[in-house]
Each structure stands twice: as structure tokens, then as C-alpha cells.
Amino acid sequence: MKKLLLSTIIVFILLLNSISAIKSPAVEYCSALGYIYEHRTDSCRLPTGEFVPSFDFVKGIIGQEHSYCTLQGYGIKHIQDSAICSSIFSRDCAVCILHDGSEIEVTNLMELDLSESVCGDNICNIFEENHKICPIDC
């Protein structure tokens, strides 16, 4: 019984560490498009000057006309499918509709790197960095 409890605790700690070591899909998406991410309000500034909630933007809920899909000439739609949307750790996301009719989650199509961030890489990873921990990035 003690071995099972210890094993469960170790697995939980490992999972917790792996979850906290990712970059925010919403921040990476906004930045990769060349838009400004506003950390204080967790929003993305679109070319129109409008600030939109960053996670709603990456999920294709809002701002579709400024999405990667639209900019590449693809269709876009918001879906609810936890298997397809798992790359952004959500049950809903945006998929690009390619010219052949196939669909792919937008951050996968962009090949965004959501791996661990390190202090000094000029990226404030909101899951593991802040002004006190890494003032150079945040």
C-alpha cells in the first residue's frame, strides 16, 4: 500500500513538472503572428489595434480574420474535440481547413515550439516565469 502511494505521488510530481514546463500556446501563437502579447491583460493586440483575449484568439473563437489560417489562405473553424485540441491543452481549438479539405490544429500546422522556456530567452513563459523569478524576460 505504501509503495502504491509513493508511486502515485512520484507520478503526480512528474506530471506537474511536465505541465508547468510548457510555453503558453496563446502567447506563442500571438507572438508568432507578429502581434503584441499584453501580459497584464492576457490579450493579443491585432493589427487593427484591438486587444482580444489570447486564448479565445488561438482557439479561433474571435479574430478569425487575423488568424494564421486566414493569412495563409485557408479556412478556419472553432471545434470541440479534446483529442485534436490536446496540443494546446484544451478541449476546444481552431483548425485550419486546407485546400484539400483536410483539417489540422493551427499550432500544429505552424509547428510552434511549446517546449520549456528558460530565463534569458526573451520570452516570458507565464506558466513558469514572472518578474521576480526572471525579470529579464518579464
C-alpha atoms as a PDB file:
ATOM      1  CA  MET A   1       0.000   0.000   0.000  1.00  0.00           C
ATOM      2  CA  LYS A   2       2.820   2.430   0.865  1.00  0.00           C
ATOM      3  CA  LYS A   3       4.617   1.619  -2.402  1.00  0.00           C
ATOM      4  CA  LEU A   4       1.465   2.395  -4.375  1.00  0.00           C
ATOM      5  CA  LEU A   5       1.005   5.706  -2.577  1.00  0.00           C
ATOM      6  CA  LEU A   6       4.652   6.638  -3.085  1.00  0.00           C
ATOM      7  CA  SER A   7       4.464   5.699  -6.781  1.00  0.00           C
ATOM      8  CA  THR A   8       1.319   7.771  -7.200  1.00  0.00           C
ATOM      9  CA  ILE A   9       2.956  10.783  -5.568  1.00  0.00           C
ATOM     10  CA  ILE A  10       6.054  10.468  -7.774  1.00  0.00           C
ATOM     11  CA  VAL A  11       3.951  10.212 -10.943  1.00  0.00           C
ATOM     12  CA  PHE A  12       1.899  13.239  -9.867  1.00  0.00           C
ATOM     13  CA  ILE A  13       5.050  15.301  -9.252  1.00  0.00           C
ATOM     14  CA  LEU A  14       6.493  14.314 -12.621  1.00  0.00           C
ATOM     15  CA  LEU A  15       3.262  15.207 -14.387  1.00  0.00           C
ATOM     16  CA  LEU A  16       3.034  18.503 -12.542  1.00  0.00           C
ATOM     17  CA  ASN A  17       6.582  19.399 -13.566  1.00  0.00           C
ATOM     18  CA  SER A  18       5.981  18.470 -17.197  1.00  0.00           C
ATOM     19  CA  ILE A  19       2.799  20.539 -17.328  1.00  0.00           C
ATOM     20  CA  SER A  20       4.427  23.619 -15.852  1.00  0.00           C
ATOM     21  CA  ALA A  21       7.356  23.394 -18.256  1.00  0.00           C
ATOM     22  CA  ILE A  22       5.429  24.354 -21.357  1.00  0.00           C
ATOM     23  CA  LYS A  23       5.065  27.691 -23.054  1.00  0.00           C
ATOM     24  CA  SER A  24       1.613  29.197 -23.341  1.00  0.00           C
ATOM     25  CA  PRO A  25       0.091  28.233 -26.718  1.00  0.00           C
ATOM     26  CA  ALA A  26      -1.830  31.519 -26.771  1.00  0.00           C
ATOM     27  CA  VAL A  27       1.270  33.653 -26.165  1.00  0.00           C
ATOM     28  CA  GLU A  28       3.327  31.724 -28.717  1.00  0.00           C
ATOM     29  CA  TYR A  29       0.549  31.956 -31.319  1.00  0.00           C
ATOM     30  CA  CYS A  30       0.112  35.706 -30.873  1.00  0.00           C
ATOM     31  CA  SER A  31       3.862  36.320 -30.989  1.00  0.00           C
ATOM     32  CA  ALA A  32       4.467  34.010 -33.971  1.00  0.00           C
ATOM     33  CA  LEU A  33       1.983  36.048 -35.986  1.00  0.00           C
ATOM     34  CA  GLY A  34       3.948  39.200 -35.171  1.00  0.00           C
ATOM     35  CA  TYR A  35       1.221  40.588 -32.930  1.00  0.00           C
ATOM     36  CA  ILE A  36       1.834  42.100 -29.496  1.00  0.00           C
ATOM     37  CA  TYR A  37       1.008  39.990 -26.449  1.00  0.00           C
ATOM     38  CA  GLU A  38      -0.057  42.031 -23.410  1.00  0.00           C
ATOM     39  CA  HIS A  39       0.900  40.039 -20.299  1.00  0.00           C
ATOM     40  CA  ARG A  40      -1.002  42.227 -17.827  1.00  0.00           C
ATOM     41  CA  THR A  41      -4.352  41.625 -19.546  1.00  0.00           C
ATOM     42  CA  ASP A  42      -3.518  38.251 -21.168  1.00  0.00           C
ATOM     43  CA  SER A  43      -4.543  39.657 -24.518  1.00  0.00           C
ATOM     44  CA  CYS A  44      -3.234  39.843 -28.051  1.00  0.00           C
ATOM     45  CA  ARG A  45      -3.183  43.120 -29.968  1.00  0.00           C
ATOM     46  CA  LEU A  46      -4.372  42.560 -33.505  1.00  0.00           C
ATOM     47  CA  PRO A  47      -3.233  44.700 -36.473  1.00  0.00           C
ATOM     48  CA  THR A  48      -6.418  46.772 -36.069  1.00  0.00           C
ATOM     49  CA  GLY A  49      -5.218  47.825 -32.606  1.00  0.00           C
ATOM     50  CA  GLU A  50      -7.959  45.783 -30.922  1.00  0.00           C
ATOM     51  CA  PHE A  51      -6.949  43.725 -27.872  1.00  0.00           C
ATOM     52  CA  VAL A  52      -8.575  40.294 -27.706  1.00  0.00           C
ATOM     53  CA  PRO A  53      -8.294  37.539 -25.074  1.00  0.00           C
ATOM     54  CA  SER A  54      -5.300  35.492 -26.200  1.00  0.00           C
ATOM     55  CA  PHE A  55      -6.781  32.047 -25.543  1.00  0.00           C
ATOM     56  CA  ASP A  56     -10.002  32.928 -27.390  1.00  0.00           C
ATOM     57  CA  PHE A  57      -7.826  34.051 -30.307  1.00  0.00           C
ATOM     58  CA  VAL A  58      -5.734  30.867 -30.536  1.00  0.00           C
ATOM     59  CA  LYS A  59      -8.932  28.806 -30.207  1.00  0.00           C
ATOM     60  CA  GLY A  60     -10.460  30.596 -33.201  1.00  0.00           C
ATOM     61  CA  ILE A  61     -13.365  31.951 -31.167  1.00  0.00           C
ATOM     62  CA  ILE A  62     -12.549  35.549 -32.095  1.00  0.00           C
ATOM     63  CA  GLY A  63     -10.308  37.373 -34.559  1.00  0.00           C
ATOM     64  CA  GLN A  64     -10.521  34.709 -37.260  1.00  0.00           C
ATOM     65  CA  GLU A  65      -9.801  37.276 -39.963  1.00  0.00           C
ATOM     66  CA  HIS A  66      -6.348  37.777 -38.355  1.00  0.00           C
ATOM     67  CA  SER A  67      -5.644  34.069 -37.779  1.00  0.00           C
ATOM     68  CA  TYR A  68      -2.779  32.096 -39.250  1.00  0.00           C
ATOM     69  CA  CYS A  69      -5.280  30.058 -41.254  1.00  0.00           C
ATOM     70  CA  THR A  70      -6.816  33.107 -42.928  1.00  0.00           C
ATOM     71  CA  LEU A  71      -3.430  34.728 -43.545  1.00  0.00           C
ATOM     72  CA  GLN A  72      -2.316  31.544 -45.355  1.00  0.00           C
ATOM     73  CA  GLY A  73      -5.478  31.440 -47.460  1.00  0.00           C
ATOM     74  CA  TYR A  74      -7.078  28.537 -45.578  1.00  0.00           C
ATOM     75  CA  GLY A  75     -10.473  28.287 -43.969  1.00  0.00           C
ATOM     76  CA  ILE A  76     -10.753  28.248 -40.186  1.00  0.00           C
ATOM     77  CA  LYS A  77     -13.224  26.884 -37.699  1.00  0.00           C
ATOM     78  CA  HIS A  78     -13.531  26.509 -33.956  1.00  0.00           C
ATOM     79  CA  ILE A  79     -14.039  22.895 -32.852  1.00  0.00           C
ATOM     80  CA  GLN A  80     -14.589  20.999 -29.624  1.00  0.00           C
ATOM     81  CA  ASP A  81     -12.517  17.824 -29.700  1.00  0.00           C
ATOM     82  CA  SER A  82     -10.141  17.148 -26.817  1.00  0.00           C
ATOM     83  CA  ALA A  83      -8.065  14.684 -28.879  1.00  0.00           C
ATOM     84  CA  ILE A  84      -7.383  17.168 -31.678  1.00  0.00           C
ATOM     85  CA  CYS A  85      -7.021  20.126 -29.292  1.00  0.00           C
ATOM     86  CA  SER A  86      -4.678  18.380 -26.865  1.00  0.00           C
ATOM     87  CA  SER A  87      -1.649  20.167 -28.326  1.00  0.00           C
ATOM     88  CA  ILE A  88      -2.925  23.403 -26.760  1.00  0.00           C
ATOM     89  CA  PHE A  89      -4.091  21.578 -23.621  1.00  0.00           C
ATOM     90  CA  SER A  90      -7.737  22.344 -24.245  1.00  0.00           C
ATOM     91  CA  ARG A  91     -10.953  20.661 -25.278  1.00  0.00           C
ATOM     92  CA  ASP A  92     -11.595  23.300 -27.940  1.00  0.00           C
ATOM     93  CA  CYS A  93      -9.334  24.893 -30.536  1.00  0.00           C
ATOM     94  CA  ALA A  94      -9.039  26.284 -34.047  1.00  0.00           C
ATOM     95  CA  VAL A  95      -8.384  24.105 -37.057  1.00  0.00           C
ATOM     96  CA  CYS A  96      -7.294  25.285 -40.451  1.00  0.00           C
ATOM     97  CA  ILE A  97      -9.223  23.833 -43.357  1.00  0.00           C
ATOM     98  CA  LEU A  98      -6.632  23.130 -46.037  1.00  0.00           C
ATOM     99  CA  HIS A  99      -7.298  23.327 -49.763  1.00  0.00           C
ATOM    100  CA  ASP A 100      -7.772  19.554 -49.975  1.00  0.00           C
ATOM    101  CA  GLY A 101     -10.467  19.729 -47.273  1.00  0.00           C
ATOM    102  CA  SER A 102      -8.332  18.231 -44.521  1.00  0.00           C
ATOM    103  CA  GLU A 103      -8.220  19.905 -41.127  1.00  0.00           C
ATOM    104  CA  ILE A 104      -5.259  20.464 -38.810  1.00  0.00           C
ATOM    105  CA  GLU A 105      -4.996  22.239 -35.465  1.00  0.00           C
ATOM    106  CA  VAL A 106      -3.469  25.665 -36.106  1.00  0.00           C
ATOM    107  CA  THR A 107      -0.450  25.497 -33.761  1.00  0.00           C
ATOM    108  CA  ASN A 108       0.454  22.077 -35.170  1.00  0.00           C
ATOM    109  CA  LEU A 109       0.265  23.433 -38.721  1.00  0.00           C
ATOM    110  CA  MET A 110       2.517  26.332 -37.679  1.00  0.00           C
ATOM    111  CA  GLU A 111       4.870  23.854 -35.965  1.00  0.00           C
ATOM    112  CA  LEU A 112       5.032  26.078 -32.882  1.00  0.00           C
ATOM    113  CA  ASP A 113       7.555  25.004 -30.274  1.00  0.00           C
ATOM    114  CA  LEU A 114       5.787  24.866 -26.923  1.00  0.00           C
ATOM    115  CA  SER A 115       8.689  23.227 -25.110  1.00  0.00           C
ATOM    116  CA  GLU A 116      10.195  24.555 -21.902  1.00  0.00           C
ATOM    117  CA  SER A 117      11.298  28.148 -21.680  1.00  0.00           C
ATOM    118  CA  VAL A 118      14.470  29.290 -19.916  1.00  0.00           C
ATOM    119  CA  CYS A 119      15.228  32.567 -18.197  1.00  0.00           C
ATOM    120  CA  GLY A 120      17.108  34.851 -20.556  1.00  0.00           C
ATOM    121  CA  ASP A 121      15.454  33.696 -23.794  1.00  0.00           C
ATOM    122  CA  ASN A 122      13.479  36.983 -24.117  1.00  0.00           C
ATOM    123  CA  ILE A 123      10.204  35.085 -23.671  1.00  0.00           C
ATOM    124  CA  CYS A 124       8.152  35.459 -20.512  1.00  0.00           C
ATOM    125  CA  ASN A 125       6.671  31.997 -20.071  1.00  0.00           C
ATOM    126  CA  ILE A 126       3.611  32.754 -17.951  1.00  0.00           C
ATOM    127  CA  PHE A 127       3.476  29.181 -16.632  1.00  0.00           C
ATOM    128  CA  GLU A 128       6.928  29.248 -15.040  1.00  0.00           C
ATOM    129  CA  GLU A 129       8.361  32.780 -15.106  1.00  0.00           C
ATOM    130  CA  ASN A 130       7.403  36.109 -13.601  1.00  0.00           C
ATOM    131  CA  HIS A 131       9.069  39.432 -12.837  1.00  0.00           C
ATOM    132  CA  LYS A 132      10.564  38.166  -9.569  1.00  0.00           C
ATOM    133  CA  ILE A 133      11.885  34.883 -10.955  1.00  0.00           C
ATOM    134  CA  CYS A 134      13.102  36.178 -14.315  1.00  0.00           C
ATOM    135  CA  PRO A 135      12.960  39.980 -14.624  1.00  0.00           C
ATOM    136  CA  ILE A 136      14.985  39.943 -17.848  1.00  0.00           C
ATOM    137  CA  ASP A 137      12.153  38.127 -19.665  1.00  0.00           C
ATOM    138  CA  CYS A 138       9.159  39.526 -17.785  1.00  0.00           C
END
